[in-house]
Amino acid sequence: MREAAITRNTLETQITVRLNLDGSGQSRFETGLPFLDHMMDQIARHGLIDLDIVAHGDLHIDGHHTAEDIGITLGQAFAKALGDKKGVRRYGHAYVPLDEALSRVVVDLSGRPGLSFHVEFTRAMIGQFDVDLFHEFFQGFVNHAGVTLHIDNLRGHNAHHQAETVFKAFGRALRMAVEPDPRMAGITPSTKGTL
């Protein structure tokens, strides 16, 4: 089983992430950021990743450190669970609509962190959640998962829909990329021989 558990403690946050890449989409979140929990549930359900995240952060300041550090810890757990990447598809992509909104996410398990994030949210806050923190979450994830990630919201005027299509597409792209490829069994999907 491709599973991992990571705990990260700093003066700003204490976070534990448990995940199973070969799960069924079960999830549990206790982060103090309800809208981010709702978005991470999309990753679990659409990526078929079992995901358990408990975070205690300095929310009396704002959600920045908590959102960023959840991304970092999730990225670390993802990299550990994925292992040497032999036999996986490596690339994943998904387009996801929700009413008027449409987003595209493309991922490469390249070993090289890179984020191209093009989402122009139509408002600054969704409930009590600052939409700027989505970029911080994904930046933390790519830096520690070692993946290249392109996120494009192609259209949408409801910010909740924009965010939800991004996270659903992210989950589905991850699901495709980490899926075992029977034709590549035991082989690293790279001409370099390593990722």
Protein backbone atom coordinates (compact mmCIF):
# COMPACT_ATOMS: atom_id res chain seq x y z
CA MET A 1 0.00 0.00 0.00
CA ARG A 2 1.21 3.48 -0.86
CA GLU A 3 0.60 5.14 2.50
CA ALA A 4 2.35 7.80 4.58
CA ALA A 5 1.96 9.70 7.81
CA ILE A 6 3.82 12.97 8.39
CA THR A 7 3.79 15.28 11.41
CA ARG A 8 5.18 18.79 11.11
CA ASN A 9 5.54 21.03 14.15
CA THR A 10 6.61 24.67 14.06
CA LEU A 11 6.05 27.65 16.33
CA GLU A 12 3.12 28.58 14.06
CA THR A 13 1.45 25.25 13.32
CA GLN A 14 1.23 21.63 14.40
CA ILE A 15 0.01 19.41 11.56
CA THR A 16 -0.42 15.67 11.02
CA VAL A 17 -1.30 14.26 7.60
CA ARG A 18 -2.11 10.61 6.90
CA LEU A 19 -2.84 9.49 3.36
CA ASN A 20 -3.33 6.40 1.27
CA LEU A 21 -2.95 6.87 -2.48
CA ASP A 22 -4.82 3.62 -3.12
CA GLY A 23 -7.80 4.48 -0.98
CA SER A 24 -11.50 4.95 -1.62
CA GLY A 25 -11.84 8.67 -0.92
CA GLN A 26 -12.44 8.54 2.81
CA SER A 27 -11.50 11.72 4.65
CA ARG A 28 -11.38 13.47 8.01
CA PHE A 29 -10.30 17.05 8.57
CA GLU A 30 -9.81 19.17 11.69
CA THR A 31 -7.96 22.30 10.60
CA GLY A 32 -9.99 25.27 11.79
CA LEU A 33 -10.41 26.35 8.15
CA PRO A 34 -13.80 24.92 7.14
CA PHE A 35 -13.72 26.02 3.51
CA LEU A 36 -10.24 24.56 3.00
CA ASP A 37 -11.51 21.34 4.59
CA HIS A 38 -14.34 21.32 2.04
CA MET A 39 -11.82 21.74 -0.78
CA MET A 40 -9.52 19.01 0.53
CA ASP A 41 -12.52 16.71 0.67
CA GLN A 42 -12.71 17.20 -3.12
CA ILE A 43 -9.10 15.97 -3.41
CA ALA A 44 -9.93 12.86 -1.40
CA ARG A 45 -13.20 12.01 -3.14
CA HIS A 46 -12.14 12.76 -6.71
CA GLY A 47 -8.60 11.44 -6.29
CA LEU A 48 -9.73 8.30 -4.42
CA ILE A 49 -7.13 9.20 -1.80
CA ASP A 50 -7.85 8.44 1.85
CA LEU A 51 -6.89 11.62 3.65
CA ASP A 52 -6.77 12.51 7.35
CA ILE A 53 -5.49 15.96 8.33
CA VAL A 54 -5.39 17.50 11.80
CA ALA A 55 -3.96 21.00 12.10
CA HIS A 56 -3.62 23.47 14.94
CA GLY A 57 -2.40 26.84 13.74
CA ASP A 58 -2.16 30.49 14.71
CA LEU A 59 -5.61 31.28 13.33
CA HIS A 60 -5.87 34.20 15.77
CA ILE A 61 -3.47 35.93 13.33
CA ASP A 62 -4.97 34.62 10.08
CA GLY A 63 -5.13 31.44 8.03
CA HIS A 64 -1.91 31.95 6.09
CA HIS A 65 0.49 29.77 8.06
CA THR A 66 -2.07 27.01 8.51
CA ALA A 67 -3.05 26.81 4.82
CA GLU A 68 0.57 26.97 3.64
CA ASP A 69 1.80 24.41 6.17
CA ILE A 70 -1.03 22.00 5.36
CA GLY A 71 0.13 22.19 1.73
CA ILE A 72 3.74 21.55 2.81
CA THR A 73 2.85 18.58 5.02
CA LEU A 74 0.48 17.11 2.43
CA GLY A 75 3.26 17.41 -0.17
CA GLN A 76 5.72 15.62 2.11
CA ALA A 77 3.23 12.80 2.76
CA PHE A 78 2.42 12.54 -0.95
CA ALA A 79 6.11 12.22 -1.88
CA LYS A 80 6.72 9.60 0.80
CA ALA A 81 3.67 7.53 -0.19
CA LEU A 82 4.57 7.69 -3.88
CA GLY A 83 8.05 6.31 -3.32
CA ASP A 84 10.33 5.80 -6.33
CA LYS A 85 7.47 6.38 -8.84
CA LYS A 86 8.25 3.22 -10.79
CA GLY A 87 5.31 1.95 -12.78
CA VAL A 88 3.07 5.03 -12.46
CA ARG A 89 1.54 6.99 -15.30
CA ARG A 90 3.45 10.13 -14.14
CA TYR A 91 1.23 12.64 -15.96
CA GLY A 92 -2.34 13.50 -15.07
CA HIS A 93 -4.86 16.04 -16.28
CA ALA A 94 -8.50 16.91 -15.77
CA TYR A 95 -11.09 19.43 -16.85
CA VAL A 96 -13.91 19.90 -14.35
CA PRO A 97 -17.02 22.07 -14.77
CA LEU A 98 -19.43 23.25 -12.09
CA ASP A 99 -22.31 25.25 -13.51
CA GLU A 100 -20.71 28.32 -15.12
CA ALA A 101 -17.16 27.55 -13.89
CA LEU A 102 -14.55 25.41 -15.65
CA SER A 103 -11.01 24.59 -14.52
CA ARG A 104 -8.12 22.58 -15.94
CA VAL A 105 -5.34 21.01 -13.85
CA VAL A 106 -2.28 19.24 -15.28
CA VAL A 107 0.34 17.52 -13.11
CA ASP A 108 3.71 15.93 -13.79
CA LEU A 109 5.36 13.84 -11.06
CA SER A 110 8.63 15.21 -12.37
CA GLY A 111 10.64 15.53 -9.17
CA ARG A 112 10.94 19.23 -10.01
CA PRO A 113 8.72 21.64 -8.08
CA GLY A 114 6.91 24.14 -10.27
CA LEU A 115 3.59 25.92 -10.00
CA SER A 116 1.76 27.83 -12.71
CA PHE A 117 -1.39 29.16 -11.03
CA HIS A 118 -3.85 31.17 -13.12
CA VAL A 119 -7.03 31.74 -11.13
CA GLU A 120 -8.58 35.19 -11.07
CA PHE A 121 -11.10 34.85 -8.27
CA THR A 122 -14.12 37.09 -8.59
CA ARG A 123 -14.01 38.01 -4.90
CA ALA A 124 -11.36 38.10 -2.19
CA MET A 125 -13.16 36.02 0.43
CA ILE A 126 -15.25 32.86 0.31
CA GLY A 127 -17.01 32.90 3.63
CA GLN A 128 -14.17 33.56 6.08
CA PHE A 129 -11.48 32.13 3.77
CA ASP A 130 -9.03 34.43 1.96
CA VAL A 131 -8.70 33.14 -1.62
CA ASP A 132 -5.02 34.23 -1.74
CA LEU A 133 -4.32 31.26 0.53
CA PHE A 134 -5.12 28.77 -2.23
CA HIS A 135 -1.90 29.80 -4.00
CA GLU A 136 0.03 29.36 -0.76
CA PHE A 137 -1.47 25.90 -0.25
CA PHE A 138 -0.53 24.74 -3.75
CA GLN A 139 2.94 26.33 -3.58
CA GLY A 140 3.63 24.46 -0.36
CA PHE A 141 2.38 21.25 -1.92
CA VAL A 142 4.47 21.41 -5.11
CA ASN A 143 7.63 22.45 -3.27
CA HIS A 144 7.50 19.39 -1.04
CA ALA A 145 5.83 16.85 -3.32
CA GLY A 146 8.31 17.62 -6.10
CA VAL A 147 5.70 17.97 -8.82
CA THR A 148 5.03 20.37 -11.66
CA LEU A 149 1.47 21.67 -11.45
CA HIS A 150 -0.48 23.86 -13.87
CA ILE A 151 -3.80 25.22 -12.63
CA ASP A 152 -6.06 27.28 -14.89
CA ASN A 153 -9.54 28.50 -14.12
CA LEU A 154 -10.85 28.96 -17.64
CA ARG A 155 -14.13 30.63 -16.71
CA GLY A 156 -16.47 31.29 -13.84
CA HIS A 157 -18.07 34.15 -11.94
CA ASN A 158 -18.93 32.38 -8.67
CA ALA A 159 -15.76 32.17 -6.54
CA HIS A 160 -16.98 29.07 -4.71
CA HIS A 161 -17.49 27.32 -8.04
CA GLN A 162 -14.08 28.49 -9.26
CA ALA A 163 -12.35 27.01 -6.21
CA GLU A 164 -14.34 23.79 -6.27
CA THR A 165 -13.58 23.09 -9.92
CA VAL A 166 -9.86 23.65 -9.23
CA PHE A 167 -9.78 21.19 -6.34
CA LYS A 168 -11.91 18.56 -8.07
CA ALA A 169 -9.67 18.75 -11.14
CA PHE A 170 -6.58 18.59 -8.91
CA GLY A 171 -7.86 15.40 -7.27
CA ARG A 172 -8.67 13.79 -10.60
CA ALA A 173 -5.31 14.79 -12.13
CA LEU A 174 -3.47 13.30 -9.15
CA ARG A 175 -5.52 10.12 -9.43
CA MET A 176 -4.50 9.71 -13.07
CA ALA A 177 -0.81 10.50 -12.45
CA VAL A 178 -0.31 8.10 -9.54
CA GLU A 179 -2.27 5.26 -11.15
CA PRO A 180 -0.18 2.16 -11.84
CA ASP A 181 0.45 1.62 -15.56
CA PRO A 182 0.64 -2.12 -16.25
CA ARG A 183 2.76 -1.50 -19.35
CA MET A 184 5.33 0.38 -17.22
CA ALA A 185 5.48 -2.09 -14.31
CA GLY A 186 8.77 -1.67 -12.49
CA ILE A 187 9.96 1.01 -14.91
CA THR A 188 10.65 4.66 -14.10
CA PRO A 189 8.60 6.76 -16.56
CA SER A 190 11.54 8.94 -17.66
CA THR A 191 14.32 8.71 -20.23
CA LYS A 192 16.68 9.84 -17.47
CA GLY A 193 15.85 6.72 -15.46
CA THR A 194 14.94 8.75 -12.38
CA LEU A 195 12.31 11.21 -11.24
